[in-house]
Amino acid sequence: MVHQFTKVEMFTVCSENQSEAVLESFRDTEMRLFKQLNLKFRVLDMPPCELGASAFQKYDIEAWMAGRQMWGEISSCSNCTDYQAKRLNIKYVTKDGTLKYAHTVNGTAAAIPRLLIALIESNEIENGTVCIPEELQNILNNKLLTRNKVVPSLKLIKHF
């Protein structure tokens, strides 16, 4: 079975003195996106015990998912310092001619399935209609998503 995960990624290769600022920029970009979508979210500065082998520092962003009554991760970003660059042999030359390993910064700007869950659940009104956030109305050519009034009939083929 193949696992498919639809997401929007950000990636930067930079010098060692730029990676911290790039990480903060990624986090700020993600936060700005979720604020524009009017999502209730929180930012977690992950402790060392929660980091993978490659990450030096990592932020997770979680949105409130009303249907689950819990927070769910919708985004993250990590400063991997020179870990990935050493494995991939990515180097750069400094102004004084020194050869150094680059730093890499990774960010999942949006985990699309989870982001859709958060958007729908946080904008649903009682009759099942979803109010589309203003920032998305032009893209979707609509202000509301309505539930289909006709429920399709389903036929059981096999019971497992």
C-alpha atoms as a PDB file:
ATOM      1  CA  MET A   1       0.000   0.000   0.000  1.00  0.00           C
ATOM      2  CA  VAL A   2       1.324   3.441  -0.921  1.00  0.00           C
ATOM      3  CA  HIS A   3       0.795   6.271   1.541  1.00  0.00           C
ATOM      4  CA  GLN A   4      -0.030   9.569  -0.135  1.00  0.00           C
ATOM      5  CA  PHE A   5       0.234  12.796   1.796  1.00  0.00           C
ATOM      6  CA  THR A   6      -0.652  16.013  -0.010  1.00  0.00           C
ATOM      7  CA  LYS A   7       1.211  19.011   1.319  1.00  0.00           C
ATOM      8  CA  VAL A   8       2.883  22.255   0.353  1.00  0.00           C
ATOM      9  CA  GLU A   9       6.605  22.294   1.185  1.00  0.00           C
ATOM     10  CA  MET A  10       9.182  25.038   1.698  1.00  0.00           C
ATOM     11  CA  PHE A  11      12.924  24.345   1.545  1.00  0.00           C
ATOM     12  CA  THR A  12      16.019  26.539   1.752  1.00  0.00           C
ATOM     13  CA  VAL A  13      19.739  25.867   1.471  1.00  0.00           C
ATOM     14  CA  CYS A  14      21.643  28.653   3.223  1.00  0.00           C
ATOM     15  CA  SER A  15      24.765  29.501   5.203  1.00  0.00           C
ATOM     16  CA  GLU A  16      25.113  28.641   8.874  1.00  0.00           C
ATOM     17  CA  ASN A  17      24.526  32.236   9.950  1.00  0.00           C
ATOM     18  CA  GLN A  18      21.235  32.423   7.985  1.00  0.00           C
ATOM     19  CA  SER A  19      19.427  29.237   9.033  1.00  0.00           C
ATOM     20  CA  GLU A  20      17.940  30.560  12.282  1.00  0.00           C
ATOM     21  CA  ALA A  21      16.454  33.608  10.507  1.00  0.00           C
ATOM     22  CA  VAL A  22      15.114  31.414   7.688  1.00  0.00           C
ATOM     23  CA  LEU A  23      13.412  29.139  10.229  1.00  0.00           C
ATOM     24  CA  GLU A  24      11.738  32.151  11.878  1.00  0.00           C
ATOM     25  CA  SER A  25      10.683  33.421   8.438  1.00  0.00           C
ATOM     26  CA  PHE A  26       9.115  30.038   7.572  1.00  0.00           C
ATOM     27  CA  ARG A  27       7.240  29.993  10.891  1.00  0.00           C
ATOM     28  CA  ASP A  28       6.036  33.577  10.379  1.00  0.00           C
ATOM     29  CA  THR A  29       4.849  32.747   6.841  1.00  0.00           C
ATOM     30  CA  GLU A  30       2.868  29.765   8.126  1.00  0.00           C
ATOM     31  CA  MET A  31       1.345  31.831  10.946  1.00  0.00           C
ATOM     32  CA  ARG A  32       0.378  34.623   8.542  1.00  0.00           C
ATOM     33  CA  LEU A  33      -1.372  32.095   6.279  1.00  0.00           C
ATOM     34  CA  PHE A  34      -3.420  30.606   9.117  1.00  0.00           C
ATOM     35  CA  LYS A  35      -4.327  34.039  10.518  1.00  0.00           C
ATOM     36  CA  GLN A  36      -5.640  35.041   7.076  1.00  0.00           C
ATOM     37  CA  LEU A  37      -7.786  31.896   7.077  1.00  0.00           C
ATOM     38  CA  ASN A  38      -9.152  32.803  10.542  1.00  0.00           C
ATOM     39  CA  LEU A  39      -8.066  29.497  12.039  1.00  0.00           C
ATOM     40  CA  LYS A  40      -7.668  28.976  15.760  1.00  0.00           C
ATOM     41  CA  PHE A  41      -4.099  27.685  16.003  1.00  0.00           C
ATOM     42  CA  ARG A  42      -1.142  27.403  18.326  1.00  0.00           C
ATOM     43  CA  VAL A  43       2.613  27.283  17.747  1.00  0.00           C
ATOM     44  CA  LEU A  44       4.734  24.745  19.614  1.00  0.00           C
ATOM     45  CA  ASP A  45       8.514  25.061  19.976  1.00  0.00           C
ATOM     46  CA  MET A  46       9.237  21.352  20.103  1.00  0.00           C
ATOM     47  CA  PRO A  47      11.475  19.961  22.867  1.00  0.00           C
ATOM     48  CA  PRO A  48      14.613  17.983  21.950  1.00  0.00           C
ATOM     49  CA  CYS A  49      12.948  14.642  22.763  1.00  0.00           C
ATOM     50  CA  GLU A  50      10.383  15.315  19.987  1.00  0.00           C
ATOM     51  CA  LEU A  51      12.922  16.116  17.252  1.00  0.00           C
ATOM     52  CA  GLY A  52      13.947  13.688  14.541  1.00  0.00           C
ATOM     53  CA  ALA A  53      17.610  12.938  13.907  1.00  0.00           C
ATOM     54  CA  SER A  54      17.977  15.735  11.365  1.00  0.00           C
ATOM     55  CA  ALA A  55      16.287  18.611  13.222  1.00  0.00           C
ATOM     56  CA  PHE A  56      18.130  21.040  15.479  1.00  0.00           C
ATOM     57  CA  GLN A  57      14.998  23.098  16.152  1.00  0.00           C
ATOM     58  CA  LYS A  58      11.398  22.538  15.099  1.00  0.00           C
ATOM     59  CA  TYR A  59       8.093  24.393  15.311  1.00  0.00           C
ATOM     60  CA  ASP A  60       4.765  22.596  14.954  1.00  0.00           C
ATOM     61  CA  ILE A  61       1.574  24.499  14.256  1.00  0.00           C
ATOM     62  CA  GLU A  62      -1.657  22.889  15.359  1.00  0.00           C
ATOM     63  CA  ALA A  63      -5.217  23.972  14.546  1.00  0.00           C
ATOM     64  CA  TRP A  64      -8.271  23.274  16.661  1.00  0.00           C
ATOM     65  CA  MET A  65     -10.333  20.478  15.098  1.00  0.00           C
ATOM     66  CA  ALA A  66     -13.807  20.720  16.592  1.00  0.00           C
ATOM     67  CA  GLY A  67     -15.004  17.324  15.355  1.00  0.00           C
ATOM     68  CA  ARG A  68     -12.150  15.592  17.152  1.00  0.00           C
ATOM     69  CA  GLN A  69     -12.228  18.009  20.102  1.00  0.00           C
ATOM     70  CA  MET A  70      -8.457  18.220  19.932  1.00  0.00           C
ATOM     71  CA  TRP A  71      -5.579  20.036  18.289  1.00  0.00           C
ATOM     72  CA  GLY A  72      -4.155  18.590  15.058  1.00  0.00           C
ATOM     73  CA  GLU A  73      -0.871  19.399  13.355  1.00  0.00           C
ATOM     74  CA  ILE A  74      -1.349  21.341  10.118  1.00  0.00           C
ATOM     75  CA  SER A  75       2.174  22.667   9.611  1.00  0.00           C
ATOM     76  CA  SER A  76       5.759  22.440  10.836  1.00  0.00           C
ATOM     77  CA  CYS A  77       9.207  23.783  10.083  1.00  0.00           C
ATOM     78  CA  SER A  78      12.677  22.609  11.082  1.00  0.00           C
ATOM     79  CA  ASN A  79      16.222  23.924  11.078  1.00  0.00           C
ATOM     80  CA  CYS A  80      18.333  20.904  10.166  1.00  0.00           C
ATOM     81  CA  THR A  81      21.610  22.858  10.367  1.00  0.00           C
ATOM     82  CA  ASP A  82      24.256  20.914   8.382  1.00  0.00           C
ATOM     83  CA  TYR A  83      22.805  17.406   8.956  1.00  0.00           C
ATOM     84  CA  GLN A  84      21.187  17.014   5.512  1.00  0.00           C
ATOM     85  CA  ALA A  85      23.968  18.943   3.748  1.00  0.00           C
ATOM     86  CA  LYS A  86      26.604  16.526   5.067  1.00  0.00           C
ATOM     87  CA  ARG A  87      24.600  13.558   3.823  1.00  0.00           C
ATOM     88  CA  LEU A  88      24.110  15.207   0.414  1.00  0.00           C
ATOM     89  CA  ASN A  89      27.563  16.833   0.317  1.00  0.00           C
ATOM     90  CA  ILE A  90      26.147  20.353  -0.151  1.00  0.00           C
ATOM     91  CA  LYS A  91      28.885  22.918   0.452  1.00  0.00           C
ATOM     92  CA  TYR A  92      29.480  26.599  -0.147  1.00  0.00           C
ATOM     93  CA  VAL A  93      32.521  28.861  -0.238  1.00  0.00           C
ATOM     94  CA  THR A  94      32.707  31.721   2.283  1.00  0.00           C
ATOM     95  CA  LYS A  95      34.030  35.189   1.407  1.00  0.00           C
ATOM     96  CA  ASP A  96      37.447  34.219   2.781  1.00  0.00           C
ATOM     97  CA  GLY A  97      37.541  31.085   0.587  1.00  0.00           C
ATOM     98  CA  THR A  98      36.699  28.525   3.284  1.00  0.00           C
ATOM     99  CA  LEU A  99      34.619  25.542   2.170  1.00  0.00           C
ATOM    100  CA  LYS A 100      31.714  24.863   4.584  1.00  0.00           C
ATOM    101  CA  TYR A 101      28.681  22.622   4.713  1.00  0.00           C
ATOM    102  CA  ALA A 102      25.447  24.481   4.023  1.00  0.00           C
ATOM    103  CA  HIS A 103      22.489  24.533   6.393  1.00  0.00           C
ATOM    104  CA  THR A 104      19.020  23.376   5.339  1.00  0.00           C
ATOM    105  CA  VAL A 105      15.635  24.533   6.588  1.00  0.00           C
ATOM    106  CA  ASN A 106      12.466  22.565   5.807  1.00  0.00           C
ATOM    107  CA  GLY A 107       8.858  23.546   6.245  1.00  0.00           C
ATOM    108  CA  THR A 108       5.526  21.927   5.579  1.00  0.00           C
ATOM    109  CA  ALA A 109       3.578  25.100   4.876  1.00  0.00           C
ATOM    110  CA  ALA A 110       0.292  23.205   4.825  1.00  0.00           C
ATOM    111  CA  ALA A 111      -0.737  19.596   5.337  1.00  0.00           C
ATOM    112  CA  ILE A 112      -3.700  19.884   2.970  1.00  0.00           C
ATOM    113  CA  PRO A 113      -6.094  17.167   4.271  1.00  0.00           C
ATOM    114  CA  ARG A 114      -5.737  18.330   7.884  1.00  0.00           C
ATOM    115  CA  LEU A 115      -5.943  21.984   6.863  1.00  0.00           C
ATOM    116  CA  LEU A 116      -9.216  21.266   5.034  1.00  0.00           C
ATOM    117  CA  ILE A 117     -10.596  19.550   8.143  1.00  0.00           C
ATOM    118  CA  ALA A 118      -9.715  22.570  10.279  1.00  0.00           C
ATOM    119  CA  LEU A 119     -11.168  25.014   7.723  1.00  0.00           C
ATOM    120  CA  ILE A 120     -14.446  23.139   7.352  1.00  0.00           C
ATOM    121  CA  GLU A 121     -14.942  22.427  11.050  1.00  0.00           C
ATOM    122  CA  SER A 122     -14.094  25.951  12.166  1.00  0.00           C
ATOM    123  CA  ASN A 123     -16.412  27.567   9.598  1.00  0.00           C
ATOM    124  CA  GLU A 124     -19.390  25.190   9.693  1.00  0.00           C
ATOM    125  CA  ILE A 125     -22.737  26.543  10.825  1.00  0.00           C
ATOM    126  CA  GLU A 126     -25.595  24.481  12.289  1.00  0.00           C
ATOM    127  CA  ASN A 127     -27.290  23.363   9.070  1.00  0.00           C
ATOM    128  CA  GLY A 128     -24.045  21.904   7.716  1.00  0.00           C
ATOM    129  CA  THR A 129     -23.280  24.911   5.523  1.00  0.00           C
ATOM    130  CA  VAL A 130     -19.656  26.066   5.559  1.00  0.00           C
ATOM    131  CA  CYS A 131     -18.834  29.782   5.396  1.00  0.00           C
ATOM    132  CA  ILE A 132     -15.786  30.116   3.152  1.00  0.00           C
ATOM    133  CA  PRO A 133     -13.080  32.379   4.632  1.00  0.00           C
ATOM    134  CA  GLU A 134     -12.918  35.726   2.822  1.00  0.00           C
ATOM    135  CA  GLU A 135      -9.380  35.029   1.554  1.00  0.00           C
ATOM    136  CA  LEU A 136     -10.645  31.962  -0.365  1.00  0.00           C
ATOM    137  CA  GLN A 137     -13.948  33.302  -1.726  1.00  0.00           C
ATOM    138  CA  ASN A 138     -12.492  34.598  -5.017  1.00  0.00           C
ATOM    139  CA  ILE A 139     -10.667  31.332  -5.643  1.00  0.00           C
ATOM    140  CA  LEU A 140     -13.775  29.226  -4.971  1.00  0.00           C
ATOM    141  CA  ASN A 141     -16.199  31.721  -6.569  1.00  0.00           C
ATOM    142  CA  ASN A 142     -18.497  31.337  -3.599  1.00  0.00           C
ATOM    143  CA  LYS A 143     -19.121  32.459  -0.025  1.00  0.00           C
ATOM    144  CA  LEU A 144     -20.763  29.248   1.151  1.00  0.00           C
ATOM    145  CA  LEU A 145     -20.416  25.508   0.674  1.00  0.00           C
ATOM    146  CA  THR A 146     -23.745  23.765   1.038  1.00  0.00           C
ATOM    147  CA  ARG A 147     -24.520  20.165   1.727  1.00  0.00           C
ATOM    148  CA  ASN A 148     -25.993  18.104  -1.100  1.00  0.00           C
ATOM    149  CA  LYS A 149     -29.721  17.726  -0.386  1.00  0.00           C
ATOM    150  CA  VAL A 150     -29.901  14.355  -2.100  1.00  0.00           C
ATOM    151  CA  VAL A 151     -28.002  11.562  -0.413  1.00  0.00           C
ATOM    152  CA  PRO A 152     -26.871   9.015  -3.001  1.00  0.00           C
ATOM    153  CA  SER A 153     -28.107   5.481  -2.486  1.00  0.00           C
ATOM    154  CA  LEU A 154     -25.414   2.980  -1.651  1.00  0.00           C
ATOM    155  CA  LYS A 155     -25.473  -0.712  -2.409  1.00  0.00           C
ATOM    156  CA  LEU A 156     -23.549  -3.098  -0.161  1.00  0.00           C
ATOM    157  CA  ILE A 157     -21.380  -5.301  -2.351  1.00  0.00           C
ATOM    158  CA  LYS A 158     -19.592  -7.386   0.241  1.00  0.00           C
ATOM    159  CA  HIS A 159     -19.462  -7.354   4.008  1.00  0.00           C
ATOM    160  CA  PHE A 160     -16.033  -7.907   5.601  1.00  0.00           C
END
